[in-house]
Amino acid sequence: MTKLAQFALGCAIGVAFAACAVVAVYFRPFWHSAWGMPTFLLIFWIVMTLTVGWGGRGRPHSFRFGLIVSTAITSCFVAAVFINKYVGIGLICLLAYVAVKFLENSNGEPDPDPGDKQS
């Protein structure tokens, strides 16, 4: 990516954050209404799907992976907001544990069978 494209991308991200701040202040009664939290969670889910699904420079996009991960994270936040904060915290801890185990096993080698006795 050229320096001009990086500069344009940085400016676009800055404008997007400024627009979000203006919308948050201007539409404050909406965000405090009954529709505010579900709308925020939907926007959060869409943004997480797009950002996690982006593979990075030179790697393929994986929309399915982004959808799975963002759905899990958003489900934890839904549980924290609508059920109980302790249930949400527990689900977030469980999700972090599963993510660590996934990253440990994703080194490209198959897991050895625990039933095999290697000597």
N, C-alpha and C. Protein backbone atom coordinates (compact mmCIF):
# COMPACT_ATOMS: atom_id res chain seq x y z
N MET A 1 0.85 -1.17 0.00
CA MET A 1 0.00 0.00 0.00
C MET A 1 0.90 1.23 0.00
N THR A 2 0.57 2.17 -0.81
CA THR A 2 1.38 3.38 -0.90
C THR A 2 1.10 4.29 0.29
N LYS A 3 1.99 5.26 0.46
CA LYS A 3 1.83 6.19 1.58
C LYS A 3 0.57 7.03 1.44
N LEU A 4 0.21 7.38 0.22
CA LEU A 4 -1.00 8.15 0.00
C LEU A 4 -2.25 7.34 0.39
N ALA A 5 -2.25 6.07 0.04
CA ALA A 5 -3.39 5.21 0.40
C ALA A 5 -3.47 5.02 1.91
N GLN A 6 -2.31 4.87 2.57
CA GLN A 6 -2.31 4.75 4.03
C GLN A 6 -2.82 6.02 4.68
N PHE A 7 -2.42 7.16 4.15
CA PHE A 7 -2.88 8.43 4.68
C PHE A 7 -4.39 8.58 4.50
N ALA A 8 -4.89 8.21 3.32
CA ALA A 8 -6.33 8.30 3.05
C ALA A 8 -7.10 7.36 3.96
N LEU A 9 -6.58 6.16 4.17
CA LEU A 9 -7.25 5.21 5.07
C LEU A 9 -7.26 5.73 6.50
N GLY A 10 -6.16 6.31 6.95
CA GLY A 10 -6.11 6.89 8.30
C GLY A 10 -7.09 8.04 8.46
N CYS A 11 -7.19 8.88 7.45
CA CYS A 11 -8.15 9.99 7.49
C CYS A 11 -9.58 9.47 7.51
N ALA A 12 -9.86 8.43 6.73
CA ALA A 12 -11.21 7.87 6.70
C ALA A 12 -11.58 7.26 8.05
N ILE A 13 -10.63 6.59 8.69
CA ILE A 13 -10.90 6.01 10.01
C ILE A 13 -11.12 7.12 11.03
N GLY A 14 -10.34 8.18 10.96
CA GLY A 14 -10.52 9.31 11.88
C GLY A 14 -11.87 9.98 11.71
N VAL A 15 -12.29 10.17 10.47
CA VAL A 15 -13.60 10.76 10.20
C VAL A 15 -14.71 9.84 10.70
N ALA A 16 -14.53 8.52 10.54
CA ALA A 16 -15.54 7.57 11.01
C ALA A 16 -15.68 7.65 12.53
N PHE A 17 -14.55 7.71 13.25
CA PHE A 17 -14.63 7.83 14.71
C PHE A 17 -15.27 9.14 15.14
N ALA A 18 -14.95 10.23 14.46
CA ALA A 18 -15.56 11.51 14.78
C ALA A 18 -17.07 11.47 14.52
N ALA A 19 -17.47 10.83 13.41
CA ALA A 19 -18.90 10.72 13.10
C ALA A 19 -19.61 9.89 14.17
N CYS A 20 -18.96 8.83 14.64
CA CYS A 20 -19.57 8.01 15.70
C CYS A 20 -19.75 8.81 16.99
N ALA A 21 -18.77 9.65 17.31
CA ALA A 21 -18.89 10.48 18.51
C ALA A 21 -20.03 11.48 18.37
N VAL A 22 -20.16 12.08 17.21
CA VAL A 22 -21.25 13.04 16.98
C VAL A 22 -22.60 12.35 17.06
N VAL A 23 -22.71 11.17 16.45
CA VAL A 23 -23.97 10.42 16.49
C VAL A 23 -24.30 10.02 17.93
N ALA A 24 -23.29 9.61 18.69
CA ALA A 24 -23.54 9.20 20.08
C ALA A 24 -24.05 10.37 20.92
N VAL A 25 -23.54 11.56 20.70
CA VAL A 25 -23.98 12.72 21.47
C VAL A 25 -25.33 13.23 20.97
N TYR A 26 -25.49 13.30 19.67
CA TYR A 26 -26.70 13.88 19.09
C TYR A 26 -27.92 12.99 19.32
N PHE A 27 -27.74 11.69 19.22
CA PHE A 27 -28.86 10.76 19.39
C PHE A 27 -28.84 10.09 20.77
N ARG A 28 -28.39 10.80 21.78
CA ARG A 28 -28.29 10.24 23.13
C ARG A 28 -29.62 9.68 23.65
N PRO A 29 -30.76 10.33 23.44
CA PRO A 29 -32.00 9.73 23.93
C PRO A 29 -32.30 8.37 23.29
N PHE A 30 -31.90 8.21 22.02
CA PHE A 30 -32.13 6.91 21.37
C PHE A 30 -31.28 5.83 22.02
N TRP A 31 -30.02 6.13 22.31
CA TRP A 31 -29.14 5.10 22.87
C TRP A 31 -29.58 4.71 24.28
N HIS A 32 -30.28 5.59 24.97
CA HIS A 32 -30.78 5.28 26.30
C HIS A 32 -32.18 4.67 26.26
N SER A 33 -32.77 4.55 25.10
CA SER A 33 -34.12 3.98 24.98
C SER A 33 -34.04 2.46 24.94
N ALA A 34 -35.20 1.83 24.77
CA ALA A 34 -35.25 0.37 24.74
C ALA A 34 -34.59 -0.19 23.48
N TRP A 35 -34.51 0.59 22.41
CA TRP A 35 -33.90 0.12 21.16
C TRP A 35 -32.40 0.40 21.09
N GLY A 36 -31.87 1.15 22.03
CA GLY A 36 -30.47 1.54 21.96
C GLY A 36 -29.49 0.39 22.10
N MET A 37 -29.68 -0.44 23.12
CA MET A 37 -28.73 -1.54 23.34
C MET A 37 -28.80 -2.60 22.24
N PRO A 38 -29.99 -3.04 21.80
CA PRO A 38 -29.99 -4.01 20.69
C PRO A 38 -29.36 -3.45 19.42
N THR A 39 -29.56 -2.16 19.15
CA THR A 39 -28.96 -1.56 17.97
C THR A 39 -27.44 -1.51 18.10
N PHE A 40 -26.96 -1.15 19.29
CA PHE A 40 -25.52 -1.13 19.52
C PHE A 40 -24.93 -2.52 19.34
N LEU A 41 -25.59 -3.55 19.88
CA LEU A 41 -25.08 -4.91 19.74
C LEU A 41 -25.09 -5.38 18.29
N LEU A 42 -26.09 -4.97 17.52
CA LEU A 42 -26.12 -5.32 16.10
C LEU A 42 -24.97 -4.65 15.35
N ILE A 43 -24.74 -3.38 15.61
CA ILE A 43 -23.63 -2.68 14.96
C ILE A 43 -22.30 -3.30 15.37
N PHE A 44 -22.17 -3.64 16.66
CA PHE A 44 -20.96 -4.29 17.16
C PHE A 44 -20.74 -5.61 16.45
N TRP A 45 -21.80 -6.40 16.27
CA TRP A 45 -21.70 -7.70 15.61
C TRP A 45 -21.26 -7.54 14.16
N ILE A 46 -21.84 -6.58 13.44
CA ILE A 46 -21.48 -6.37 12.04
C ILE A 46 -20.02 -5.93 11.91
N VAL A 47 -19.61 -4.99 12.74
CA VAL A 47 -18.22 -4.50 12.67
C VAL A 47 -17.24 -5.60 13.04
N MET A 48 -17.56 -6.39 14.07
CA MET A 48 -16.68 -7.51 14.45
C MET A 48 -16.59 -8.54 13.34
N THR A 49 -17.70 -8.83 12.67
CA THR A 49 -17.68 -9.81 11.57
C THR A 49 -16.75 -9.34 10.47
N LEU A 50 -16.81 -8.08 10.12
CA LEU A 50 -15.97 -7.57 9.04
C LEU A 50 -14.50 -7.49 9.44
N THR A 51 -14.21 -7.07 10.67
CA THR A 51 -12.82 -6.90 11.07
C THR A 51 -12.14 -8.24 11.36
N VAL A 52 -12.84 -9.17 11.98
CA VAL A 52 -12.23 -10.47 12.26
C VAL A 52 -12.13 -11.29 10.98
N GLY A 53 -13.07 -11.12 10.07
CA GLY A 53 -13.03 -11.86 8.83
C GLY A 53 -11.96 -11.39 7.86
N TRP A 54 -11.42 -10.19 8.10
CA TRP A 54 -10.37 -9.69 7.23
C TRP A 54 -9.09 -10.41 7.57
N GLY A 55 -8.51 -11.09 6.61
CA GLY A 55 -7.33 -11.91 6.85
C GLY A 55 -6.04 -11.14 6.99
N GLY A 56 -6.00 -9.94 6.50
CA GLY A 56 -4.77 -9.16 6.55
C GLY A 56 -4.14 -9.08 5.17
N ARG A 57 -3.04 -8.42 5.11
CA ARG A 57 -2.37 -8.20 3.83
C ARG A 57 -1.85 -9.52 3.27
N GLY A 58 -2.28 -9.84 2.07
CA GLY A 58 -1.79 -11.02 1.39
C GLY A 58 -2.45 -12.32 1.78
N ARG A 59 -3.37 -12.29 2.73
CA ARG A 59 -4.06 -13.51 3.15
C ARG A 59 -5.50 -13.43 2.72
N PRO A 60 -6.13 -14.57 2.49
CA PRO A 60 -7.52 -14.54 2.03
C PRO A 60 -8.49 -14.12 3.14
N HIS A 61 -9.57 -13.53 2.72
CA HIS A 61 -10.63 -13.14 3.65
C HIS A 61 -11.42 -14.39 4.04
N SER A 62 -11.77 -14.48 5.29
CA SER A 62 -12.55 -15.62 5.75
C SER A 62 -13.80 -15.08 6.45
N PHE A 63 -14.83 -14.86 5.66
CA PHE A 63 -16.07 -14.32 6.22
C PHE A 63 -16.68 -15.29 7.22
N ARG A 64 -16.57 -16.58 6.95
CA ARG A 64 -17.14 -17.59 7.86
C ARG A 64 -16.46 -17.54 9.23
N PHE A 65 -15.13 -17.43 9.26
CA PHE A 65 -14.42 -17.34 10.53
C PHE A 65 -14.82 -16.07 11.28
N GLY A 66 -14.92 -14.95 10.57
CA GLY A 66 -15.34 -13.71 11.20
C GLY A 66 -16.75 -13.80 11.76
N LEU A 67 -17.63 -14.47 11.03
CA LEU A 67 -19.00 -14.64 11.49
C LEU A 67 -19.06 -15.51 12.76
N ILE A 68 -18.30 -16.57 12.79
CA ILE A 68 -18.31 -17.47 13.94
C ILE A 68 -17.75 -16.76 15.18
N VAL A 69 -16.61 -16.12 15.03
CA VAL A 69 -15.97 -15.47 16.18
C VAL A 69 -16.81 -14.29 16.67
N SER A 70 -17.31 -13.47 15.76
CA SER A 70 -18.09 -12.31 16.19
C SER A 70 -19.41 -12.72 16.82
N THR A 71 -20.00 -13.81 16.35
CA THR A 71 -21.24 -14.29 16.97
C THR A 71 -20.98 -14.77 18.39
N ALA A 72 -19.86 -15.45 18.61
CA ALA A 72 -19.53 -15.91 19.96
C ALA A 72 -19.29 -14.73 20.91
N ILE A 73 -18.52 -13.75 20.45
CA ILE A 73 -18.23 -12.59 21.31
C ILE A 73 -19.50 -11.79 21.58
N THR A 74 -20.30 -11.55 20.56
CA THR A 74 -21.53 -10.79 20.75
C THR A 74 -22.52 -11.54 21.63
N SER A 75 -22.55 -12.86 21.54
CA SER A 75 -23.43 -13.65 22.41
C SER A 75 -23.04 -13.49 23.87
N CYS A 76 -21.74 -13.42 24.13
CA CYS A 76 -21.29 -13.18 25.51
C CYS A 76 -21.75 -11.81 26.00
N PHE A 77 -21.66 -10.80 25.14
CA PHE A 77 -22.12 -9.47 25.55
C PHE A 77 -23.63 -9.42 25.71
N VAL A 78 -24.35 -10.14 24.87
CA VAL A 78 -25.81 -10.20 25.02
C VAL A 78 -26.16 -10.82 26.37
N ALA A 79 -25.47 -11.90 26.73
CA ALA A 79 -25.72 -12.53 28.03
C ALA A 79 -25.38 -11.59 29.17
N ALA A 80 -24.29 -10.83 29.03
CA ALA A 80 -23.89 -9.91 30.09
C ALA A 80 -24.90 -8.77 30.24
N VAL A 81 -25.45 -8.30 29.13
CA VAL A 81 -26.37 -7.16 29.18
C VAL A 81 -27.77 -7.59 29.59
N PHE A 82 -28.28 -8.67 29.01
CA PHE A 82 -29.68 -9.01 29.19
C PHE A 82 -29.95 -10.08 30.24
N ILE A 83 -28.97 -10.90 30.60
CA ILE A 83 -29.23 -11.96 31.58
C ILE A 83 -28.67 -11.55 32.95
N ASN A 84 -27.35 -11.56 33.05
CA ASN A 84 -26.71 -11.25 34.31
C ASN A 84 -25.26 -10.94 34.00
N LYS A 85 -24.69 -9.99 34.69
CA LYS A 85 -23.30 -9.64 34.38
C LYS A 85 -22.34 -10.76 34.75
N TYR A 86 -22.67 -11.56 35.77
CA TYR A 86 -21.78 -12.66 36.15
C TYR A 86 -21.84 -13.80 35.14
N VAL A 87 -23.00 -14.04 34.56
CA VAL A 87 -23.12 -15.03 33.49
C VAL A 87 -22.30 -14.58 32.29
N GLY A 88 -22.38 -13.31 31.95
CA GLY A 88 -21.60 -12.77 30.84
C GLY A 88 -20.11 -12.86 31.09
N ILE A 89 -19.69 -12.56 32.31
CA ILE A 89 -18.27 -12.66 32.65
C ILE A 89 -17.81 -14.11 32.55
N GLY A 90 -18.63 -15.04 33.03
CA GLY A 90 -18.29 -16.46 32.93
C GLY A 90 -18.18 -16.92 31.48
N LEU A 91 -19.11 -16.47 30.64
CA LEU A 91 -19.05 -16.84 29.22
C LEU A 91 -17.84 -16.23 28.53
N ILE A 92 -17.48 -15.02 28.88
CA ILE A 92 -16.30 -14.40 28.29
C ILE A 92 -15.04 -15.16 28.71
N CYS A 93 -14.97 -15.58 29.99
CA CYS A 93 -13.83 -16.38 30.44
C CYS A 93 -13.78 -17.73 29.72
N LEU A 94 -14.94 -18.36 29.54
CA LEU A 94 -15.00 -19.62 28.80
C LEU A 94 -14.57 -19.42 27.35
N LEU A 95 -15.00 -18.35 26.74
CA LEU A 95 -14.61 -18.06 25.37
C LEU A 95 -13.11 -17.82 25.26
N ALA A 96 -12.54 -17.12 26.24
CA ALA A 96 -11.09 -16.89 26.23
C ALA A 96 -10.34 -18.21 26.37
N TYR A 97 -10.82 -19.12 27.23
CA TYR A 97 -10.19 -20.43 27.39
C TYR A 97 -10.23 -21.22 26.09
N VAL A 98 -11.39 -21.22 25.43
CA VAL A 98 -11.53 -21.94 24.15
C VAL A 98 -10.62 -21.33 23.10
N ALA A 99 -10.51 -20.01 23.09
CA ALA A 99 -9.65 -19.34 22.11
C ALA A 99 -8.19 -19.70 22.33
N VAL A 100 -7.76 -19.76 23.60
CA VAL A 100 -6.37 -20.13 23.89
C VAL A 100 -6.11 -21.57 23.46
N LYS A 101 -7.04 -22.47 23.73
CA LYS A 101 -6.88 -23.86 23.31
C LYS A 101 -6.87 -23.97 21.78
N PHE A 102 -7.69 -23.18 21.11
CA PHE A 102 -7.71 -23.19 19.65
C PHE A 102 -6.37 -22.72 19.09
N LEU A 103 -5.82 -21.65 19.67
CA LEU A 103 -4.56 -21.12 19.18
C LEU A 103 -3.40 -22.07 19.48
N GLU A 104 -3.47 -22.81 20.59
CA GLU A 104 -2.43 -23.79 20.89
C GLU A 104 -2.44 -24.92 19.88
N ASN A 105 -3.62 -25.34 19.45
CA ASN A 105 -3.74 -26.48 18.55
C ASN A 105 -3.71 -26.09 17.08
N SER A 106 -3.55 -24.83 16.77
CA SER A 106 -3.60 -24.42 15.37
C SER A 106 -2.21 -24.25 14.77
N ASN A 107 -1.26 -25.03 15.23
CA ASN A 107 0.10 -24.90 14.71
C ASN A 107 0.29 -25.68 13.41
N GLY A 108 -0.75 -26.31 12.91
CA GLY A 108 -0.67 -27.00 11.64
C GLY A 108 -0.40 -28.48 11.74
N GLU A 109 -0.02 -28.95 12.90
CA GLU A 109 0.25 -30.36 13.08
C GLU A 109 -0.97 -31.03 13.70
N PRO A 110 -1.26 -32.26 13.32
CA PRO A 110 -2.40 -32.95 13.95
C PRO A 110 -2.09 -33.27 15.40
N ASP A 111 -3.15 -33.23 16.20
CA ASP A 111 -2.97 -33.58 17.61
C ASP A 111 -2.70 -35.05 17.74
N PRO A 112 -1.75 -35.44 18.61
CA PRO A 112 -1.52 -36.87 18.80
C PRO A 112 -2.73 -37.49 19.51
N ASP A 113 -3.00 -38.70 19.17
CA ASP A 113 -4.11 -39.42 19.79
C ASP A 113 -3.76 -39.71 21.24
N PRO A 114 -4.60 -39.28 22.21
CA PRO A 114 -4.25 -39.52 23.61
C PRO A 114 -4.25 -41.01 23.95
N GLY A 115 -4.88 -41.84 23.14
CA GLY A 115 -4.91 -43.28 23.42
C GLY A 115 -3.62 -43.97 23.01
N ASP A 116 -2.85 -43.34 22.12
CA ASP A 116 -1.59 -43.97 21.69
C ASP A 116 -0.55 -43.84 22.78
N LYS A 117 0.15 -44.92 23.01
CA LYS A 117 1.24 -44.90 23.98
C LYS A 117 2.55 -44.74 23.19
N GLN A 118 3.12 -43.58 23.28
CA GLN A 118 4.38 -43.35 22.58
C GLN A 118 5.51 -43.52 23.57
N SER A 119 6.46 -44.34 23.21
CA SER A 119 7.57 -44.56 24.13
C SER A 119 8.88 -44.16 23.55
